[in-house]
Amino acid sequence: MATKAQAVDPVCGMEVEPEAALAVEYGGTRYLFCEAACAETFREDPDRWAQLEVAPGPSGTEW
């Protein structure tokens, strides 16, 4: 599970450091990716991957 300082790549599920991650904006939300291949997969069909966004933690904070 990702810690507060990390995010989860919605394509592969890998935990990523926000400062080092690749970002893609879609539908007003910023998605973070571990590598260019995952970001490109997301761009090809963002509606598929955006639905898999990780739910906020118990504190109610998002990545």
N, C-alpha and C. Protein backbone atom coordinates (compact mmCIF):
# COMPACT_ATOMS: atom_id res chain seq x y z
N MET A 1 0.84 -1.19 0.00
CA MET A 1 0.00 0.00 0.00
C MET A 1 0.88 1.24 0.00
N ALA A 2 0.49 2.25 -0.72
CA ALA A 2 1.29 3.46 -0.82
C ALA A 2 1.25 4.26 0.47
N THR A 3 2.38 4.82 0.81
CA THR A 3 2.43 5.69 1.97
C THR A 3 1.98 7.07 1.55
N LYS A 4 1.86 7.99 2.52
CA LYS A 4 1.41 9.34 2.22
C LYS A 4 2.32 10.02 1.20
N ALA A 5 3.61 9.70 1.22
CA ALA A 5 4.56 10.34 0.32
C ALA A 5 4.60 9.68 -1.05
N GLN A 6 3.83 8.61 -1.25
CA GLN A 6 3.85 7.91 -2.52
C GLN A 6 2.48 7.91 -3.17
N ALA A 7 2.48 7.62 -4.45
CA ALA A 7 1.25 7.47 -5.22
C ALA A 7 1.31 6.11 -5.90
N VAL A 8 0.19 5.69 -6.47
CA VAL A 8 0.13 4.40 -7.16
C VAL A 8 -0.14 4.65 -8.64
N ASP A 9 0.70 4.08 -9.47
CA ASP A 9 0.54 4.14 -10.92
C ASP A 9 -0.75 3.39 -11.25
N PRO A 10 -1.75 4.05 -11.88
CA PRO A 10 -3.03 3.38 -12.14
C PRO A 10 -2.95 2.28 -13.19
N VAL A 11 -1.89 2.23 -13.98
CA VAL A 11 -1.76 1.21 -15.02
C VAL A 11 -1.15 -0.07 -14.46
N CYS A 12 -0.01 0.04 -13.79
CA CYS A 12 0.68 -1.18 -13.33
C CYS A 12 0.55 -1.43 -11.83
N GLY A 13 0.08 -0.43 -11.08
CA GLY A 13 -0.11 -0.61 -9.65
C GLY A 13 1.15 -0.38 -8.82
N MET A 14 2.23 0.01 -9.46
CA MET A 14 3.49 0.24 -8.76
C MET A 14 3.43 1.54 -7.94
N GLU A 15 4.02 1.51 -6.76
CA GLU A 15 4.12 2.72 -5.95
C GLU A 15 5.20 3.61 -6.54
N VAL A 16 4.91 4.90 -6.64
CA VAL A 16 5.86 5.85 -7.20
C VAL A 16 6.00 7.06 -6.29
N GLU A 17 7.19 7.64 -6.29
CA GLU A 17 7.44 8.88 -5.56
C GLU A 17 6.91 10.01 -6.43
N PRO A 18 6.02 10.84 -5.90
CA PRO A 18 5.44 11.93 -6.71
C PRO A 18 6.48 12.84 -7.36
N GLU A 19 7.58 13.10 -6.67
CA GLU A 19 8.60 13.99 -7.21
C GLU A 19 9.31 13.40 -8.42
N ALA A 20 9.37 12.08 -8.51
CA ALA A 20 10.09 11.41 -9.59
C ALA A 20 9.16 10.86 -10.67
N ALA A 21 7.86 10.89 -10.45
CA ALA A 21 6.90 10.27 -11.36
C ALA A 21 6.61 11.13 -12.57
N LEU A 22 6.19 10.49 -13.63
CA LEU A 22 5.68 11.18 -14.81
C LEU A 22 4.21 11.49 -14.55
N ALA A 23 3.76 12.66 -14.92
CA ALA A 23 2.38 13.07 -14.64
C ALA A 23 1.61 13.29 -15.93
N VAL A 24 0.33 12.91 -15.90
CA VAL A 24 -0.59 13.15 -17.00
C VAL A 24 -1.86 13.73 -16.38
N GLU A 25 -2.31 14.86 -16.92
CA GLU A 25 -3.57 15.47 -16.49
C GLU A 25 -4.70 14.92 -17.35
N TYR A 26 -5.79 14.52 -16.71
CA TYR A 26 -6.95 14.02 -17.45
C TYR A 26 -8.20 14.29 -16.63
N GLY A 27 -9.17 14.93 -17.22
CA GLY A 27 -10.43 15.18 -16.54
C GLY A 27 -10.27 15.98 -15.26
N GLY A 28 -9.28 16.85 -15.21
CA GLY A 28 -9.05 17.67 -14.03
C GLY A 28 -8.30 16.96 -12.91
N THR A 29 -7.83 15.76 -13.18
CA THR A 29 -7.08 14.98 -12.18
C THR A 29 -5.68 14.73 -12.69
N ARG A 30 -4.72 14.78 -11.80
CA ARG A 30 -3.32 14.51 -12.14
C ARG A 30 -3.01 13.06 -11.79
N TYR A 31 -2.64 12.26 -12.78
CA TYR A 31 -2.28 10.86 -12.59
C TYR A 31 -0.77 10.73 -12.68
N LEU A 32 -0.18 9.89 -11.83
CA LEU A 32 1.26 9.72 -11.78
C LEU A 32 1.65 8.32 -12.23
N PHE A 33 2.79 8.23 -12.95
CA PHE A 33 3.22 6.98 -13.55
C PHE A 33 4.69 6.69 -13.26
N CYS A 34 5.01 5.41 -13.21
CA CYS A 34 6.38 4.98 -12.90
C CYS A 34 7.31 5.15 -14.09
N GLU A 35 6.76 5.04 -15.31
CA GLU A 35 7.59 5.16 -16.51
C GLU A 35 6.75 5.60 -17.70
N ALA A 36 7.45 5.97 -18.76
CA ALA A 36 6.78 6.48 -19.96
C ALA A 36 5.81 5.47 -20.57
N ALA A 37 6.14 4.18 -20.51
CA ALA A 37 5.26 3.16 -21.10
C ALA A 37 3.89 3.15 -20.41
N CYS A 38 3.87 3.28 -19.11
CA CYS A 38 2.59 3.31 -18.38
C CYS A 38 1.82 4.59 -18.70
N ALA A 39 2.51 5.71 -18.79
CA ALA A 39 1.85 6.97 -19.14
C ALA A 39 1.26 6.89 -20.54
N GLU A 40 1.96 6.28 -21.48
CA GLU A 40 1.46 6.13 -22.84
C GLU A 40 0.26 5.19 -22.89
N THR A 41 0.30 4.10 -22.14
CA THR A 41 -0.84 3.19 -22.07
C THR A 41 -2.07 3.93 -21.55
N PHE A 42 -1.88 4.76 -20.55
CA PHE A 42 -2.97 5.57 -20.00
C PHE A 42 -3.52 6.52 -21.06
N ARG A 43 -2.63 7.21 -21.76
CA ARG A 43 -3.06 8.18 -22.79
C ARG A 43 -3.86 7.52 -23.91
N GLU A 44 -3.56 6.27 -24.22
CA GLU A 44 -4.27 5.56 -25.29
C GLU A 44 -5.72 5.27 -24.94
N ASP A 45 -6.04 5.08 -23.66
CA ASP A 45 -7.41 4.78 -23.23
C ASP A 45 -7.61 5.27 -21.79
N PRO A 46 -7.59 6.58 -21.58
CA PRO A 46 -7.63 7.11 -20.21
C PRO A 46 -8.89 6.74 -19.43
N ASP A 47 -10.02 6.60 -20.11
CA ASP A 47 -11.25 6.24 -19.38
C ASP A 47 -11.13 4.87 -18.73
N ARG A 48 -10.44 3.97 -19.35
CA ARG A 48 -10.25 2.63 -18.78
C ARG A 48 -9.45 2.71 -17.47
N TRP A 49 -8.34 3.45 -17.51
CA TRP A 49 -7.43 3.49 -16.37
C TRP A 49 -7.88 4.46 -15.28
N ALA A 50 -8.55 5.54 -15.64
CA ALA A 50 -9.00 6.51 -14.65
C ALA A 50 -10.00 5.89 -13.69
N GLN A 51 -10.74 4.89 -14.13
CA GLN A 51 -11.70 4.21 -13.27
C GLN A 51 -11.02 3.41 -12.18
N LEU A 52 -9.74 3.09 -12.36
CA LEU A 52 -9.00 2.27 -11.41
C LEU A 52 -8.25 3.10 -10.38
N GLU A 53 -8.54 4.39 -10.32
CA GLU A 53 -7.84 5.27 -9.39
C GLU A 53 -7.94 4.72 -7.97
N VAL A 54 -6.86 4.81 -7.25
CA VAL A 54 -6.81 4.30 -5.87
C VAL A 54 -7.64 5.21 -4.97
N ALA A 55 -8.45 4.61 -4.12
CA ALA A 55 -9.29 5.36 -3.20
C ALA A 55 -8.43 6.07 -2.16
N PRO A 56 -8.90 7.21 -1.64
CA PRO A 56 -8.16 7.92 -0.59
C PRO A 56 -8.00 7.03 0.65
N GLY A 57 -6.95 7.28 1.39
CA GLY A 57 -6.71 6.54 2.62
C GLY A 57 -7.66 6.94 3.72
N PRO A 58 -7.52 6.35 4.90
CA PRO A 58 -8.43 6.61 6.01
C PRO A 58 -8.47 8.07 6.44
N SER A 59 -7.39 8.81 6.19
CA SER A 59 -7.36 10.21 6.59
C SER A 59 -8.16 11.08 5.63
N GLY A 60 -8.56 10.50 4.50
CA GLY A 60 -9.31 11.26 3.50
C GLY A 60 -8.42 12.04 2.55
N THR A 61 -7.12 11.89 2.67
CA THR A 61 -6.22 12.59 1.76
C THR A 61 -5.96 11.74 0.54
N GLU A 62 -5.77 12.42 -0.59
CA GLU A 62 -5.42 11.70 -1.80
C GLU A 62 -3.93 11.85 -2.02
N TRP A 63 -3.41 11.22 -3.06
CA TRP A 63 -2.00 11.27 -3.29
C TRP A 63 -1.61 12.67 -3.38
